Amino acid sequence: MRHRKKINHLGRKTAHRKSMLANMACSLIEHKRINTTLAKAKALRVFVEPLITKSKEDTTHNRRLAFAKLRSKEAIITLFRDVAAKVGDRPGGYLRIIKLGNRLGDNAEMAMVELVDFNEIYDPKAGSTKKKSTRRAGKKAKSTEPVAQDNKESQDNEKKED
């Protein structure tokens, strides 16, 4: 039974788990997507999403709270400058977890964790703005019109000569 067990301890002591999640969060913020096990991905979501929510409001207090968790100046700068600008209007759900299958060595479930707004491949809004490729027969008709006019002029000239 897992009564009152809210946190997945991931088989690690508290300090190791916090350091591992902080390092994974810094890598995620820097690279915008990482591959990890499914259990770590789910734990990372709980760790990172409140930090992204704090980054929407750029105050000294929120920066200090985020730095206490991440412990990396570069990650804090990227989080508050780039990530917060992209997710400013999103009410939550900043991460996407995609299952990748099982790892060969130990058969662990693998997953890819990515920031939702930084994926250019899968973006429903970008798909609607893409131009449709249309095929028109009008282009050929336009190119044949001057030729047809030349033929009519030559026929008119012949009639005048007769």
C-alpha atoms as a PDB file:
ATOM      1  CA  MET A   1       0.000   0.000   0.000  1.00  0.00           C
ATOM      2  CA  ARG A   2       1.195   3.522  -0.741  1.00  0.00           C
ATOM      3  CA  HIS A   3      -0.853   5.489   1.748  1.00  0.00           C
ATOM      4  CA  ARG A   4       0.496   9.025   2.258  1.00  0.00           C
ATOM      5  CA  LYS A   5       3.461   8.451  -0.058  1.00  0.00           C
ATOM      6  CA  LYS A   6       3.283  11.542  -2.251  1.00  0.00           C
ATOM      7  CA  ILE A   7       6.891  11.648  -3.458  1.00  0.00           C
ATOM      8  CA  ASN A   8       8.549   8.978  -5.571  1.00  0.00           C
ATOM      9  CA  HIS A   9      11.908   8.595  -3.834  1.00  0.00           C
ATOM     10  CA  LEU A  10      13.511   7.030  -6.938  1.00  0.00           C
ATOM     11  CA  GLY A  11      15.636   4.717  -4.779  1.00  0.00           C
ATOM     12  CA  ARG A  12      17.841   7.573  -3.553  1.00  0.00           C
ATOM     13  CA  LYS A  13      18.487   9.535  -0.394  1.00  0.00           C
ATOM     14  CA  THR A  14      16.996  13.018  -0.141  1.00  0.00           C
ATOM     15  CA  ALA A  15      20.142  15.000  -0.985  1.00  0.00           C
ATOM     16  CA  HIS A  16      20.963  12.794  -3.967  1.00  0.00           C
ATOM     17  CA  ARG A  17      17.397  13.019  -5.285  1.00  0.00           C
ATOM     18  CA  LYS A  18      17.280  16.826  -4.975  1.00  0.00           C
ATOM     19  CA  SER A  19      20.656  17.207  -6.683  1.00  0.00           C
ATOM     20  CA  MET A  20      19.655  14.840  -9.481  1.00  0.00           C
ATOM     21  CA  LEU A  21      16.382  16.672 -10.123  1.00  0.00           C
ATOM     22  CA  ALA A  22      18.148  20.048 -10.053  1.00  0.00           C
ATOM     23  CA  ASN A  23      20.703  18.825 -12.612  1.00  0.00           C
ATOM     24  CA  MET A  24      18.002  17.332 -14.826  1.00  0.00           C
ATOM     25  CA  ALA A  25      15.987  20.566 -14.633  1.00  0.00           C
ATOM     26  CA  CYS A  26      19.035  22.632 -15.627  1.00  0.00           C
ATOM     27  CA  SER A  27      19.657  20.329 -18.588  1.00  0.00           C
ATOM     28  CA  LEU A  28      16.015  20.542 -19.605  1.00  0.00           C
ATOM     29  CA  ILE A  29      16.022  24.342 -19.473  1.00  0.00           C
ATOM     30  CA  GLU A  30      19.278  24.540 -21.409  1.00  0.00           C
ATOM     31  CA  HIS A  31      18.548  21.930 -24.115  1.00  0.00           C
ATOM     32  CA  LYS A  32      14.708  22.174 -24.146  1.00  0.00           C
ATOM     33  CA  ARG A  33      14.401  18.353 -24.248  1.00  0.00           C
ATOM     34  CA  ILE A  34      16.064  15.400 -22.529  1.00  0.00           C
ATOM     35  CA  ASN A  35      15.742  11.616 -22.471  1.00  0.00           C
ATOM     36  CA  THR A  36      15.353   9.854 -19.131  1.00  0.00           C
ATOM     37  CA  THR A  37      13.388   7.097 -17.448  1.00  0.00           C
ATOM     38  CA  LEU A  38       9.642   7.477 -17.105  1.00  0.00           C
ATOM     39  CA  ALA A  39       9.738   7.616 -13.280  1.00  0.00           C
ATOM     40  CA  LYS A  40      12.362  10.381 -13.326  1.00  0.00           C
ATOM     41  CA  ALA A  41      10.391  12.258 -15.987  1.00  0.00           C
ATOM     42  CA  LYS A  42       7.264  12.254 -13.838  1.00  0.00           C
ATOM     43  CA  ALA A  43       9.265  13.406 -10.801  1.00  0.00           C
ATOM     44  CA  LEU A  44      10.915  16.110 -12.922  1.00  0.00           C
ATOM     45  CA  ARG A  45       7.539  17.458 -14.010  1.00  0.00           C
ATOM     46  CA  VAL A  46       6.527  18.031 -10.382  1.00  0.00           C
ATOM     47  CA  PHE A  47       9.891  19.728  -9.771  1.00  0.00           C
ATOM     48  CA  VAL A  48      10.057  22.026 -12.839  1.00  0.00           C
ATOM     49  CA  GLU A  49       6.502  23.204 -13.476  1.00  0.00           C
ATOM     50  CA  PRO A  50       6.241  25.330 -10.290  1.00  0.00           C
ATOM     51  CA  LEU A  51       9.583  26.940 -11.198  1.00  0.00           C
ATOM     52  CA  ILE A  52       8.297  27.862 -14.657  1.00  0.00           C
ATOM     53  CA  THR A  53       5.173  29.321 -13.078  1.00  0.00           C
ATOM     54  CA  LYS A  54       7.369  31.443 -10.788  1.00  0.00           C
ATOM     55  CA  SER A  55       9.433  32.591 -13.757  1.00  0.00           C
ATOM     56  CA  LYS A  56       6.414  34.286 -15.349  1.00  0.00           C
ATOM     57  CA  GLU A  57       6.736  37.077 -12.788  1.00  0.00           C
ATOM     58  CA  ASP A  58      10.322  38.336 -12.855  1.00  0.00           C
ATOM     59  CA  THR A  59      10.973  39.529  -9.304  1.00  0.00           C
ATOM     60  CA  THR A  60      14.029  39.219  -7.132  1.00  0.00           C
ATOM     61  CA  HIS A  61      12.135  36.996  -4.716  1.00  0.00           C
ATOM     62  CA  ASN A  62      11.064  34.568  -7.463  1.00  0.00           C
ATOM     63  CA  ARG A  63      14.613  34.467  -8.838  1.00  0.00           C
ATOM     64  CA  ARG A  64      15.950  33.584  -5.387  1.00  0.00           C
ATOM     65  CA  LEU A  65      13.334  30.871  -4.907  1.00  0.00           C
ATOM     66  CA  ALA A  66      14.207  29.372  -8.300  1.00  0.00           C
ATOM     67  CA  PHE A  67      17.949  29.607  -7.604  1.00  0.00           C
ATOM     68  CA  ALA A  68      17.491  27.777  -4.297  1.00  0.00           C
ATOM     69  CA  LYS A  69      16.074  24.823  -6.273  1.00  0.00           C
ATOM     70  CA  LEU A  70      18.197  24.886  -9.446  1.00  0.00           C
ATOM     71  CA  ARG A  71      21.563  26.173  -8.148  1.00  0.00           C
ATOM     72  CA  SER A  72      22.708  27.355 -11.592  1.00  0.00           C
ATOM     73  CA  LYS A  73      22.931  30.992 -12.657  1.00  0.00           C
ATOM     74  CA  GLU A  74      22.871  30.170 -16.367  1.00  0.00           C
ATOM     75  CA  ALA A  75      19.713  28.090 -15.971  1.00  0.00           C
ATOM     76  CA  ILE A  76      18.012  30.884 -14.018  1.00  0.00           C
ATOM     77  CA  ILE A  77      18.889  33.441 -16.692  1.00  0.00           C
ATOM     78  CA  THR A  78      17.556  31.201 -19.467  1.00  0.00           C
ATOM     79  CA  LEU A  79      14.459  30.337 -17.448  1.00  0.00           C
ATOM     80  CA  PHE A  80      13.479  33.924 -16.680  1.00  0.00           C
ATOM     81  CA  ARG A  81      14.469  35.385 -20.054  1.00  0.00           C
ATOM     82  CA  ASP A  82      13.657  32.837 -22.776  1.00  0.00           C
ATOM     83  CA  VAL A  83      11.331  30.256 -21.264  1.00  0.00           C
ATOM     84  CA  ALA A  84       9.125  32.733 -19.399  1.00  0.00           C
ATOM     85  CA  ALA A  85       8.653  34.810 -22.554  1.00  0.00           C
ATOM     86  CA  LYS A  86       7.412  31.766 -24.506  1.00  0.00           C
ATOM     87  CA  VAL A  87       5.062  30.380 -21.838  1.00  0.00           C
ATOM     88  CA  GLY A  88       3.683  33.692 -20.610  1.00  0.00           C
ATOM     89  CA  ASP A  89       0.118  33.069 -21.772  1.00  0.00           C
ATOM     90  CA  ARG A  90      -0.019  29.328 -21.000  1.00  0.00           C
ATOM     91  CA  PRO A  91      -1.911  28.532 -17.763  1.00  0.00           C
ATOM     92  CA  GLY A  92       0.074  25.356 -17.022  1.00  0.00           C
ATOM     93  CA  GLY A  93       1.237  22.090 -18.545  1.00  0.00           C
ATOM     94  CA  TYR A  94       4.647  23.313 -19.644  1.00  0.00           C
ATOM     95  CA  LEU A  95       6.221  19.871 -20.122  1.00  0.00           C
ATOM     96  CA  ARG A  96       5.381  17.044 -22.494  1.00  0.00           C
ATOM     97  CA  ILE A  97       6.378  13.479 -21.623  1.00  0.00           C
ATOM     98  CA  ILE A  98       6.587  11.077 -24.567  1.00  0.00           C
ATOM     99  CA  LYS A  99       7.177   7.389 -23.911  1.00  0.00           C
ATOM    100  CA  LEU A 100      10.006   5.944 -26.002  1.00  0.00           C
ATOM    101  CA  GLY A 101       9.863   2.249 -25.139  1.00  0.00           C
ATOM    102  CA  ASN A 102      12.137   0.134 -22.983  1.00  0.00           C
ATOM    103  CA  ARG A 103      15.899   0.446 -22.551  1.00  0.00           C
ATOM    104  CA  LEU A 104      17.886  -2.539 -23.830  1.00  0.00           C
ATOM    105  CA  GLY A 105      20.133  -3.045 -20.820  1.00  0.00           C
ATOM    106  CA  ASP A 106      17.675  -3.175 -17.929  1.00  0.00           C
ATOM    107  CA  ASN A 107      14.292  -2.912 -19.668  1.00  0.00           C
ATOM    108  CA  ALA A 108      13.508   0.408 -17.940  1.00  0.00           C
ATOM    109  CA  GLU A 109      10.709   2.483 -19.451  1.00  0.00           C
ATOM    110  CA  MET A 110      12.278   5.458 -21.231  1.00  0.00           C
ATOM    111  CA  ALA A 111      10.674   8.816 -21.938  1.00  0.00           C
ATOM    112  CA  MET A 112      11.513  12.090 -23.615  1.00  0.00           C
ATOM    113  CA  VAL A 113      10.710  15.244 -21.633  1.00  0.00           C
ATOM    114  CA  GLU A 114      10.405  18.477 -23.582  1.00  0.00           C
ATOM    115  CA  LEU A 115       9.174  22.001 -23.087  1.00  0.00           C
ATOM    116  CA  VAL A 116       5.907  22.253 -24.993  1.00  0.00           C
ATOM    117  CA  ASP A 117       6.381  25.711 -26.510  1.00  0.00           C
ATOM    118  CA  PHE A 118       9.883  25.016 -27.832  1.00  0.00           C
ATOM    119  CA  ASN A 119       8.955  22.154 -30.155  1.00  0.00           C
ATOM    120  CA  GLU A 120       8.901  23.387 -33.751  1.00  0.00           C
ATOM    121  CA  ILE A 121       8.073  19.961 -35.200  1.00  0.00           C
ATOM    122  CA  TYR A 122       4.803  19.430 -33.337  1.00  0.00           C
ATOM    123  CA  ASP A 123       3.043  22.771 -33.084  1.00  0.00           C
ATOM    124  CA  PRO A 124      -0.649  22.899 -34.016  1.00  0.00           C
ATOM    125  CA  LYS A 125      -0.565  26.690 -34.405  1.00  0.00           C
ATOM    126  CA  ALA A 126       2.326  26.584 -36.864  1.00  0.00           C
ATOM    127  CA  GLY A 127       0.530  24.001 -39.000  1.00  0.00           C
ATOM    128  CA  SER A 128      -2.420  26.319 -39.605  1.00  0.00           C
ATOM    129  CA  THR A 129      -0.208  29.204 -40.764  1.00  0.00           C
ATOM    130  CA  LYS A 130       1.596  27.085 -43.347  1.00  0.00           C
ATOM    131  CA  LYS A 131       0.816  27.999 -46.929  1.00  0.00           C
ATOM    132  CA  LYS A 132      -1.160  25.505 -48.916  1.00  0.00           C
ATOM    133  CA  SER A 133       0.378  24.385 -52.165  1.00  0.00           C
ATOM    134  CA  THR A 134      -2.251  24.988 -54.816  1.00  0.00           C
ATOM    135  CA  ARG A 135      -2.040  23.911 -58.389  1.00  0.00           C
ATOM    136  CA  ARG A 136      -3.619  26.148 -60.931  1.00  0.00           C
ATOM    137  CA  ALA A 137      -4.156  25.657 -64.576  1.00  0.00           C
ATOM    138  CA  GLY A 138      -4.390  29.433 -64.822  1.00  0.00           C
ATOM    139  CA  LYS A 139      -0.640  29.809 -65.166  1.00  0.00           C
ATOM    140  CA  LYS A 140      -0.647  27.796 -68.372  1.00  0.00           C
ATOM    141  CA  ALA A 141      -3.638  29.742 -69.672  1.00  0.00           C
ATOM    142  CA  LYS A 142      -1.865  33.023 -69.045  1.00  0.00           C
ATOM    143  CA  SER A 143       1.169  31.887 -70.963  1.00  0.00           C
ATOM    144  CA  THR A 144      -0.970  30.746 -73.914  1.00  0.00           C
ATOM    145  CA  GLU A 145      -3.025  33.952 -74.141  1.00  0.00           C
ATOM    146  CA  PRO A 146      -0.298  36.082 -75.776  1.00  0.00           C
ATOM    147  CA  VAL A 147       0.322  33.317 -78.278  1.00  0.00           C
ATOM    148  CA  ALA A 148      -3.390  33.178 -79.054  1.00  0.00           C
ATOM    149  CA  GLN A 149      -3.479  36.952 -79.529  1.00  0.00           C
ATOM    150  CA  ASP A 150      -0.541  36.753 -81.902  1.00  0.00           C
ATOM    151  CA  ASN A 151      -2.382  34.105 -83.925  1.00  0.00           C
ATOM    152  CA  LYS A 152      -5.523  36.277 -84.066  1.00  0.00           C
ATOM    153  CA  GLU A 153      -3.490  39.275 -85.200  1.00  0.00           C
ATOM    154  CA  SER A 154      -1.821  37.239 -87.914  1.00  0.00           C
ATOM    155  CA  GLN A 155      -5.221  35.918 -89.051  1.00  0.00           C
ATOM    156  CA  ASP A 156      -6.629  39.464 -89.105  1.00  0.00           C
ATOM    157  CA  ASN A 157      -3.669  40.589 -91.173  1.00  0.00           C
ATOM    158  CA  GLU A 158      -4.285  37.758 -93.649  1.00  0.00           C
ATOM    159  CA  LYS A 159      -7.943  38.696 -93.985  1.00  0.00           C
ATOM    160  CA  LYS A 160      -7.049  42.338 -94.648  1.00  0.00           C
ATOM    161  CA  GLU A 161      -4.605  41.296 -97.371  1.00  0.00           C
ATOM    162  CA  ASP A 162      -7.298  39.218 -99.132  1.00  0.00           C
END
